[in-house]
Amino acid sequence: MTLRVLCFFQPGCMGCMEQEPINAGVSKSLQVRIEEIDAVKNPQYISMYQLTATPTLLVLVDGNVVERFEGVVHAEQLEAALKKYL
């Protein structure tokens, strides 16, 4: 099972700035890499994952989206979601 966590952001987004330290803390506590992707610089992901808001976090298992969070997600909620796949 391959787990990937993607966080789509855009520069100047207040929610994205709030999400960044949450991601860092969860990443450190669970030893999971959270990939930060600038949605503006990587527009191919917008249609691929039907992105409508930033931040958007996607949890992928073997390439399939199994969890999706739009807007700021708190550490406890993100950790609980990720622990299901570790």
PDB file of N, CA and C in Angstrom:
ATOM      1  N   MET A   1       0.852  -1.184   0.000  1.00  0.00           N
ATOM      2  CA  MET A   1       0.000   0.000   0.000  1.00  0.00           C
ATOM      3  C   MET A   1       0.891   1.239   0.000  1.00  0.00           C
ATOM      4  N   THR A   2       0.669   2.103  -0.964  1.00  0.00           N
ATOM      5  CA  THR A   2       1.437   3.340  -1.075  1.00  0.00           C
ATOM      6  C   THR A   2       0.556   4.507  -0.642  1.00  0.00           C
ATOM      7  N   LEU A   3       1.012   5.228   0.390  1.00  0.00           N
ATOM      8  CA  LEU A   3       0.270   6.380   0.909  1.00  0.00           C
ATOM      9  C   LEU A   3       0.940   7.657   0.438  1.00  0.00           C
ATOM     10  N   ARG A   4       0.146   8.568  -0.108  1.00  0.00           N
ATOM     11  CA  ARG A   4       0.613   9.896  -0.499  1.00  0.00           C
ATOM     12  C   ARG A   4      -0.355  10.921   0.043  1.00  0.00           C
ATOM     13  N   VAL A   5       0.178  12.024   0.562  1.00  0.00           N
ATOM     14  CA  VAL A   5      -0.667  13.115   1.048  1.00  0.00           C
ATOM     15  C   VAL A   5      -0.269  14.369   0.273  1.00  0.00           C
ATOM     16  N   LEU A   6      -1.249  14.955  -0.407  1.00  0.00           N
ATOM     17  CA  LEU A   6      -1.016  16.150  -1.206  1.00  0.00           C
ATOM     18  C   LEU A   6      -1.776  17.321  -0.594  1.00  0.00           C
ATOM     19  N   CYS A   7      -1.106  18.452  -0.492  1.00  0.00           N
ATOM     20  CA  CYS A   7      -1.764  19.672  -0.014  1.00  0.00           C
ATOM     21  C   CYS A   7      -1.609  20.726  -1.089  1.00  0.00           C
ATOM     22  N   PHE A   8      -2.726  21.123  -1.685  1.00  0.00           N
ATOM     23  CA  PHE A   8      -2.720  22.140  -2.722  1.00  0.00           C
ATOM     24  C   PHE A   8      -2.959  23.506  -2.088  1.00  0.00           C
ATOM     25  N   PHE A   9      -2.116  24.467  -2.463  1.00  0.00           N
ATOM     26  CA  PHE A   9      -2.207  25.813  -1.903  1.00  0.00           C
ATOM     27  C   PHE A   9      -2.034  26.820  -3.034  1.00  0.00           C
ATOM     28  N   GLN A  10      -2.248  28.077  -2.695  1.00  0.00           N
ATOM     29  CA  GLN A  10      -1.904  29.163  -3.609  1.00  0.00           C
ATOM     30  C   GLN A  10      -1.326  30.308  -2.795  1.00  0.00           C
ATOM     31  N   PRO A  11      -0.355  31.015  -3.352  1.00  0.00           N
ATOM     32  CA  PRO A  11       0.276  32.121  -2.634  1.00  0.00           C
ATOM     33  C   PRO A  11      -0.745  33.164  -2.197  1.00  0.00           C
ATOM     34  N   GLY A  12      -0.567  33.665  -0.995  1.00  0.00           N
ATOM     35  CA  GLY A  12      -1.441  34.712  -0.464  1.00  0.00           C
ATOM     36  C   GLY A  12      -2.722  34.207   0.163  1.00  0.00           C
ATOM     37  N   CYS A  13      -2.962  32.918   0.105  1.00  0.00           N
ATOM     38  CA  CYS A  13      -4.176  32.321   0.678  1.00  0.00           C
ATOM     39  C   CYS A  13      -4.027  32.236   2.202  1.00  0.00           C
ATOM     40  N   MET A  14      -4.906  32.906   2.928  1.00  0.00           N
ATOM     41  CA  MET A  14      -4.812  32.931   4.395  1.00  0.00           C
ATOM     42  C   MET A  14      -5.003  31.538   4.990  1.00  0.00           C
ATOM     43  N   GLY A  15      -5.970  30.788   4.485  1.00  0.00           N
ATOM     44  CA  GLY A  15      -6.194  29.431   4.969  1.00  0.00           C
ATOM     45  C   GLY A  15      -4.987  28.543   4.716  1.00  0.00           C
ATOM     46  N   CYS A  16      -4.332  28.749   3.575  1.00  0.00           N
ATOM     47  CA  CYS A  16      -3.141  27.958   3.239  1.00  0.00           C
ATOM     48  C   CYS A  16      -2.009  28.254   4.224  1.00  0.00           C
ATOM     49  N   MET A  17      -1.872  29.524   4.581  1.00  0.00           N
ATOM     50  CA  MET A  17      -0.837  29.897   5.549  1.00  0.00           C
ATOM     51  C   MET A  17      -1.142  29.299   6.917  1.00  0.00           C
ATOM     52  N   GLU A  18      -2.410  29.198   7.248  1.00  0.00           N
ATOM     53  CA  GLU A  18      -2.819  28.586   8.514  1.00  0.00           C
ATOM     54  C   GLU A  18      -2.580  27.066   8.478  1.00  0.00           C
ATOM     55  N   GLN A  19      -2.768  26.466   7.312  1.00  0.00           N
ATOM     56  CA  GLN A  19      -2.636  25.019   7.161  1.00  0.00           C
ATOM     57  C   GLN A  19      -1.177  24.563   7.227  1.00  0.00           C
ATOM     58  N   GLU A  20      -0.256  25.392   6.776  1.00  0.00           N
ATOM     59  CA  GLU A  20       1.151  24.999   6.670  1.00  0.00           C
ATOM     60  C   GLU A  20       1.752  24.476   7.977  1.00  0.00           C
ATOM     61  N   PRO A  21       1.636  25.200   9.102  1.00  0.00           N
ATOM     62  CA  PRO A  21       2.210  24.659  10.341  1.00  0.00           C
ATOM     63  C   PRO A  21       1.470  23.424  10.858  1.00  0.00           C
ATOM     64  N   ILE A  22       0.189  23.305  10.556  1.00  0.00           N
ATOM     65  CA  ILE A  22      -0.569  22.115  10.944  1.00  0.00           C
ATOM     66  C   ILE A  22       0.002  20.909  10.208  1.00  0.00           C
ATOM     67  N   ASN A  23       0.220  21.066   8.897  1.00  0.00           N
ATOM     68  CA  ASN A  23       0.799  19.989   8.104  1.00  0.00           C
ATOM     69  C   ASN A  23       2.169  19.587   8.630  1.00  0.00           C
ATOM     70  N   ALA A  24       2.983  20.584   8.966  1.00  0.00           N
ATOM     71  CA  ALA A  24       4.337  20.303   9.463  1.00  0.00           C
ATOM     72  C   ALA A  24       4.283  19.494  10.758  1.00  0.00           C
ATOM     73  N   GLY A  25       3.380  19.861  11.652  1.00  0.00           N
ATOM     74  CA  GLY A  25       3.255  19.143  12.914  1.00  0.00           C
ATOM     75  C   GLY A  25       2.768  17.716  12.731  1.00  0.00           C
ATOM     76  N   VAL A  26       1.771  17.526  11.889  1.00  0.00           N
ATOM     77  CA  VAL A  26       1.232  16.183  11.625  1.00  0.00           C
ATOM     78  C   VAL A  26       2.287  15.332  10.928  1.00  0.00           C
ATOM     79  N   SER A  27       2.975  15.923   9.978  1.00  0.00           N
ATOM     80  CA  SER A  27       4.020  15.216   9.246  1.00  0.00           C
ATOM     81  C   SER A  27       5.097  14.705  10.201  1.00  0.00           C
ATOM     82  N   LYS A  28       5.487  15.565  11.127  1.00  0.00           N
ATOM     83  CA  LYS A  28       6.527  15.193  12.092  1.00  0.00           C
ATOM     84  C   LYS A  28       6.019  14.127  13.060  1.00  0.00           C
ATOM     85  N   SER A  29       4.826  14.295  13.595  1.00  0.00           N
ATOM     86  CA  SER A  29       4.326  13.358  14.605  1.00  0.00           C
ATOM     87  C   SER A  29       4.024  11.975  14.038  1.00  0.00           C
ATOM     88  N   LEU A  30       3.587  11.906  12.782  1.00  0.00           N
ATOM     89  CA  LEU A  30       3.236  10.609  12.182  1.00  0.00           C
ATOM     90  C   LEU A  30       4.314  10.079  11.236  1.00  0.00           C
ATOM     91  N   GLN A  31       5.377  10.874  11.025  1.00  0.00           N
ATOM     92  CA  GLN A  31       6.435  10.487  10.087  1.00  0.00           C
ATOM     93  C   GLN A  31       5.873  10.232   8.690  1.00  0.00           C
ATOM     94  N   VAL A  32       5.005  11.139   8.236  1.00  0.00           N
ATOM     95  CA  VAL A  32       4.374  11.052   6.920  1.00  0.00           C
ATOM     96  C   VAL A  32       4.734  12.313   6.148  1.00  0.00           C
ATOM     97  N   ARG A  33       5.155  12.143   4.914  1.00  0.00           N
ATOM     98  CA  ARG A  33       5.479  13.297   4.077  1.00  0.00           C
ATOM     99  C   ARG A  33       4.198  13.876   3.497  1.00  0.00           C
ATOM    100  N   ILE A  34       4.019  15.188   3.658  1.00  0.00           N
ATOM    101  CA  ILE A  34       2.888  15.893   3.062  1.00  0.00           C
ATOM    102  C   ILE A  34       3.452  16.771   1.962  1.00  0.00           C
ATOM    103  N   GLU A  35       3.084  16.472   0.727  1.00  0.00           N
ATOM    104  CA  GLU A  35       3.594  17.202  -0.432  1.00  0.00           C
ATOM    105  C   GLU A  35       2.810  18.492  -0.613  1.00  0.00           C
ATOM    106  N   GLU A  36       3.511  19.606  -0.579  1.00  0.00           N
ATOM    107  CA  GLU A  36       2.892  20.913  -0.785  1.00  0.00           C
ATOM    108  C   GLU A  36       2.984  21.254  -2.265  1.00  0.00           C
ATOM    109  N   ILE A  37       1.849  21.491  -2.915  1.00  0.00           N
ATOM    110  CA  ILE A  37       1.822  21.759  -4.350  1.00  0.00           C
ATOM    111  C   ILE A  37       1.105  23.082  -4.609  1.00  0.00           C
ATOM    112  N   ASP A  38       1.795  23.988  -5.278  1.00  0.00           N
ATOM    113  CA  ASP A  38       1.218  25.279  -5.652  1.00  0.00           C
ATOM    114  C   ASP A  38       0.257  25.036  -6.815  1.00  0.00           C
ATOM    115  N   ALA A  39      -1.023  25.182  -6.571  1.00  0.00           N
ATOM    116  CA  ALA A  39      -2.037  24.915  -7.592  1.00  0.00           C
ATOM    117  C   ALA A  39      -1.952  25.889  -8.763  1.00  0.00           C
ATOM    118  N   VAL A  40      -1.465  27.091  -8.517  1.00  0.00           N
ATOM    119  CA  VAL A  40      -1.347  28.092  -9.586  1.00  0.00           C
ATOM    120  C   VAL A  40      -0.224  27.699 -10.550  1.00  0.00           C
ATOM    121  N   LYS A  41       0.889  27.229 -10.007  1.00  0.00           N
ATOM    122  CA  LYS A  41       2.029  26.841 -10.843  1.00  0.00           C
ATOM    123  C   LYS A  41       1.854  25.452 -11.456  1.00  0.00           C
ATOM    124  N   ASN A  42       0.916  24.692 -10.971  1.00  0.00           N
ATOM    125  CA  ASN A  42       0.678  23.327 -11.448  1.00  0.00           C
ATOM    126  C   ASN A  42      -0.799  23.147 -11.804  1.00  0.00           C
ATOM    127  N   PRO A  43      -1.295  23.881 -12.811  1.00  0.00           N
ATOM    128  CA  PRO A  43      -2.724  23.874 -13.115  1.00  0.00           C
ATOM    129  C   PRO A  43      -3.261  22.525 -13.595  1.00  0.00           C
ATOM    130  N   GLN A  44      -2.395  21.614 -14.008  1.00  0.00           N
ATOM    131  CA  GLN A  44      -2.872  20.304 -14.463  1.00  0.00           C
ATOM    132  C   GLN A  44      -3.596  19.556 -13.343  1.00  0.00           C
ATOM    133  N   TYR A  45      -3.260  19.850 -12.096  1.00  0.00           N
ATOM    134  CA  TYR A  45      -3.901  19.176 -10.970  1.00  0.00           C
ATOM    135  C   TYR A  45      -5.320  19.677 -10.717  1.00  0.00           C
ATOM    136  N   ILE A  46      -5.618  20.902 -11.153  1.00  0.00           N
ATOM    137  CA  ILE A  46      -6.936  21.482 -10.895  1.00  0.00           C
ATOM    138  C   ILE A  46      -8.028  20.613 -11.507  1.00  0.00           C
ATOM    139  N   SER A  47      -7.867  20.247 -12.770  1.00  0.00           N
ATOM    140  CA  SER A  47      -8.876  19.390 -13.399  1.00  0.00           C
ATOM    141  C   SER A  47      -8.711  17.934 -12.989  1.00  0.00           C
ATOM    142  N   MET A  48      -7.465  17.497 -12.805  1.00  0.00           N
ATOM    143  CA  MET A  48      -7.216  16.097 -12.441  1.00  0.00           C
ATOM    144  C   MET A  48      -7.925  15.725 -11.142  1.00  0.00           C
ATOM    145  N   TYR A  49      -7.854  16.630 -10.151  1.00  0.00           N
ATOM    146  CA  TYR A  49      -8.455  16.357  -8.846  1.00  0.00           C
ATOM    147  C   TYR A  49      -9.678  17.214  -8.561  1.00  0.00           C
ATOM    148  N   GLN A  50     -10.181  17.942  -9.561  1.00  0.00           N
ATOM    149  CA  GLN A  50     -11.358  18.783  -9.443  1.00  0.00           C
ATOM    150  C   GLN A  50     -11.247  19.733  -8.242  1.00  0.00           C
ATOM    151  N   LEU A  51     -10.154  20.465  -8.218  1.00  0.00           N
ATOM    152  CA  LEU A  51      -9.902  21.402  -7.127  1.00  0.00           C
ATOM    153  C   LEU A  51     -10.767  22.642  -7.281  1.00  0.00           C
ATOM    154  N   THR A  52     -11.446  23.020  -6.210  1.00  0.00           N
ATOM    155  CA  THR A  52     -12.289  24.218  -6.239  1.00  0.00           C
ATOM    156  C   THR A  52     -11.929  25.204  -5.138  1.00  0.00           C
ATOM    157  N   ALA A  53     -11.051  24.794  -4.221  1.00  0.00           N
ATOM    158  CA  ALA A  53     -10.693  25.655  -3.098  1.00  0.00           C
ATOM    159  C   ALA A  53      -9.274  25.327  -2.654  1.00  0.00           C
ATOM    160  N   THR A  54      -8.659  26.307  -2.013  1.00  0.00           N
ATOM    161  CA  THR A  54      -7.371  26.051  -1.355  1.00  0.00           C
ATOM    162  C   THR A  54      -7.487  26.527   0.070  1.00  0.00           C
ATOM    163  N   PRO A  55      -6.865  25.840   1.006  1.00  0.00           N
ATOM    164  CA  PRO A  55      -6.122  24.609   0.792  1.00  0.00           C
ATOM    165  C   PRO A  55      -7.061  23.414   0.566  1.00  0.00           C
ATOM    166  N   THR A  56      -6.571  22.457  -0.211  1.00  0.00           N
ATOM    167  CA  THR A  56      -7.236  21.164  -0.359  1.00  0.00           C
ATOM    168  C   THR A  56      -6.197  20.096  -0.076  1.00  0.00           C
ATOM    169  N   LEU A  57      -6.523  19.204   0.846  1.00  0.00           N
ATOM    170  CA  LEU A  57      -5.648  18.073   1.148  1.00  0.00           C
ATOM    171  C   LEU A  57      -6.283  16.803   0.615  1.00  0.00           C
ATOM    172  N   LEU A  58      -5.475  16.015  -0.071  1.00  0.00           N
ATOM    173  CA  LEU A  58      -5.918  14.737  -0.599  1.00  0.00           C
ATOM    174  C   LEU A  58      -5.053  13.634  -0.016  1.00  0.00           C
ATOM    175  N   VAL A  59      -5.690  12.573   0.425  1.00  0.00           N
ATOM    176  CA  VAL A  59      -4.982  11.390   0.893  1.00  0.00           C
ATOM    177  C   VAL A  59      -5.195  10.334  -0.183  1.00  0.00           C
ATOM    178  N   LEU A  60      -4.100   9.855  -0.749  1.00  0.00           N
ATOM    179  CA  LEU A  60      -4.158   8.856  -1.809  1.00  0.00           C
ATOM    180  C   LEU A  60      -3.559   7.549  -1.324  1.00  0.00           C
ATOM    181  N   VAL A  61      -4.228   6.458  -1.608  1.00  0.00           N
ATOM    182  CA  VAL A  61      -3.708   5.128  -1.341  1.00  0.00           C
ATOM    183  C   VAL A  61      -3.649   4.416  -2.679  1.00  0.00           C
ATOM    184  N   ASP A  62      -2.443   3.999  -3.045  1.00  0.00           N
ATOM    185  CA  ASP A  62      -2.221   3.348  -4.338  1.00  0.00           C
ATOM    186  C   ASP A  62      -2.786   4.174  -5.490  1.00  0.00           C
ATOM    187  N   GLY A  63      -2.649   5.511  -5.385  1.00  0.00           N
ATOM    188  CA  GLY A  63      -3.064   6.409  -6.454  1.00  0.00           C
ATOM    189  C   GLY A  63      -4.528   6.812  -6.445  1.00  0.00           C
ATOM    190  N   ASN A  64      -5.316   6.241  -5.543  1.00  0.00           N
ATOM    191  CA  ASN A  64      -6.742   6.560  -5.457  1.00  0.00           C
ATOM    192  C   ASN A  64      -7.023   7.492  -4.286  1.00  0.00           C
ATOM    193  N   VAL A  65      -7.830   8.529  -4.513  1.00  0.00           N
ATOM    194  CA  VAL A  65      -8.183   9.462  -3.444  1.00  0.00           C
ATOM    195  C   VAL A  65      -9.129   8.756  -2.471  1.00  0.00           C
ATOM    196  N   VAL A  66      -8.696   8.656  -1.206  1.00  0.00           N
ATOM    197  CA  VAL A  66      -9.513   8.003  -0.182  1.00  0.00           C
ATOM    198  C   VAL A  66     -10.037   8.992   0.859  1.00  0.00           C
ATOM    199  N   GLU A  67      -9.411  10.155   0.943  1.00  0.00           N
ATOM    200  CA  GLU A  67      -9.862  11.222   1.853  1.00  0.00           C
ATOM    201  C   GLU A  67      -9.630  12.547   1.141  1.00  0.00           C
ATOM    202  N   ARG A  68     -10.545  13.490   1.362  1.00  0.00           N
ATOM    203  CA  ARG A  68     -10.433  14.819   0.756  1.00  0.00           C
ATOM    204  C   ARG A  68     -10.889  15.854   1.777  1.00  0.00           C
ATOM    205  N   PHE A  69     -10.068  16.881   1.954  1.00  0.00           N
ATOM    206  CA  PHE A  69     -10.406  17.973   2.874  1.00  0.00           C
ATOM    207  C   PHE A  69     -10.252  19.287   2.129  1.00  0.00           C
ATOM    208  N   GLU A  70     -11.299  20.086   2.102  1.00  0.00           N
ATOM    209  CA  GLU A  70     -11.234  21.414   1.497  1.00  0.00           C
ATOM    210  C   GLU A  70     -11.320  22.440   2.607  1.00  0.00           C
ATOM    211  N   GLY A  71     -10.417  23.408   2.571  1.00  0.00           N
ATOM    212  CA  GLY A  71     -10.332  24.388   3.650  1.00  0.00           C
ATOM    213  C   GLY A  71      -9.375  23.881   4.717  1.00  0.00           C
ATOM    214  N   VAL A  72      -9.235  24.656   5.759  1.00  0.00           N
ATOM    215  CA  VAL A  72      -8.296  24.303   6.830  1.00  0.00           C
ATOM    216  C   VAL A  72      -8.792  23.066   7.570  1.00  0.00           C
ATOM    217  N   VAL A  73      -7.905  22.098   7.729  1.00  0.00           N
ATOM    218  CA  VAL A  73      -8.228  20.890   8.483  1.00  0.00           C
ATOM    219  C   VAL A  73      -7.337  20.885   9.721  1.00  0.00           C
ATOM    220  N   HIS A  74      -7.937  20.666  10.866  1.00  0.00           N
ATOM    221  CA  HIS A  74      -7.196  20.715  12.126  1.00  0.00           C
ATOM    222  C   HIS A  74      -6.371  19.452  12.318  1.00  0.00           C
ATOM    223  N   ALA A  75      -5.328  19.568  13.091  1.00  0.00           N
ATOM    224  CA  ALA A  75      -4.363  18.490  13.281  1.00  0.00           C
ATOM    225  C   ALA A  75      -5.013  17.189  13.730  1.00  0.00           C
ATOM    226  N   GLU A  76      -5.921  17.266  14.688  1.00  0.00           N
ATOM    227  CA  GLU A  76      -6.546  16.054  15.218  1.00  0.00           C
ATOM    228  C   GLU A  76      -7.308  15.302  14.131  1.00  0.00           C
ATOM    229  N   GLN A  77      -8.033  16.050  13.308  1.00  0.00           N
ATOM    230  CA  GLN A  77      -8.830  15.451  12.235  1.00  0.00           C
ATOM    231  C   GLN A  77      -7.921  14.853  11.159  1.00  0.00           C
ATOM    232  N   LEU A  78      -6.856  15.554  10.807  1.00  0.00           N
ATOM    233  CA  LEU A  78      -5.930  15.068   9.795  1.00  0.00           C
ATOM    234  C   LEU A  78      -5.194  13.824  10.295  1.00  0.00           C
ATOM    235  N   GLU A  79      -4.742  13.852  11.543  1.00  0.00           N
ATOM    236  CA  GLU A  79      -4.053  12.692  12.114  1.00  0.00           C
ATOM    237  C   GLU A  79      -4.972  11.473  12.142  1.00  0.00           C
ATOM    238  N   ALA A  80      -6.207  11.648  12.552  1.00  0.00           N
ATOM    239  CA  ALA A  80      -7.153  10.526  12.608  1.00  0.00           C
ATOM    240  C   ALA A  80      -7.368   9.934  11.222  1.00  0.00           C
ATOM    241  N   ALA A  81      -7.464  10.794  10.207  1.00  0.00           N
ATOM    242  CA  ALA A  81      -7.668  10.313   8.841  1.00  0.00           C
ATOM    243  C   ALA A  81      -6.452   9.534   8.358  1.00  0.00           C
ATOM    244  N   LEU A  82      -5.269  10.038   8.631  1.00  0.00           N
ATOM    245  CA  LEU A  82      -4.057   9.387   8.153  1.00  0.00           C
ATOM    246  C   LEU A  82      -3.763   8.076   8.874  1.00  0.00           C
ATOM    247  N   LYS A  83      -4.065   8.018  10.154  1.00  0.00           N
ATOM    248  CA  LYS A  83      -3.789   6.800  10.931  1.00  0.00           C
ATOM    249  C   LYS A  83      -4.521   5.584  10.388  1.00  0.00           C
ATOM    250  N   LYS A  84      -5.640   5.801   9.708  1.00  0.00           N
ATOM    251  CA  LYS A  84      -6.396   4.681   9.132  1.00  0.00           C
ATOM    252  C   LYS A  84      -5.595   3.974   8.047  1.00  0.00           C
ATOM    253  N   TYR A  85      -4.621   4.667   7.464  1.00  0.00           N
ATOM    254  CA  TYR A  85      -3.887   4.118   6.325  1.00  0.00           C
ATOM    255  C   TYR A  85      -2.433   3.813   6.629  1.00  0.00           C
ATOM    256  N   LEU A  86      -2.028   3.979   7.881  1.00  0.00           N
ATOM    257  CA  LEU A  86      -0.635   3.709   8.250  1.00  0.00           C
ATOM    258  C   LEU A  86      -0.466   2.280   8.745  1.00  0.00           C
TER     259      LEU A  86
END
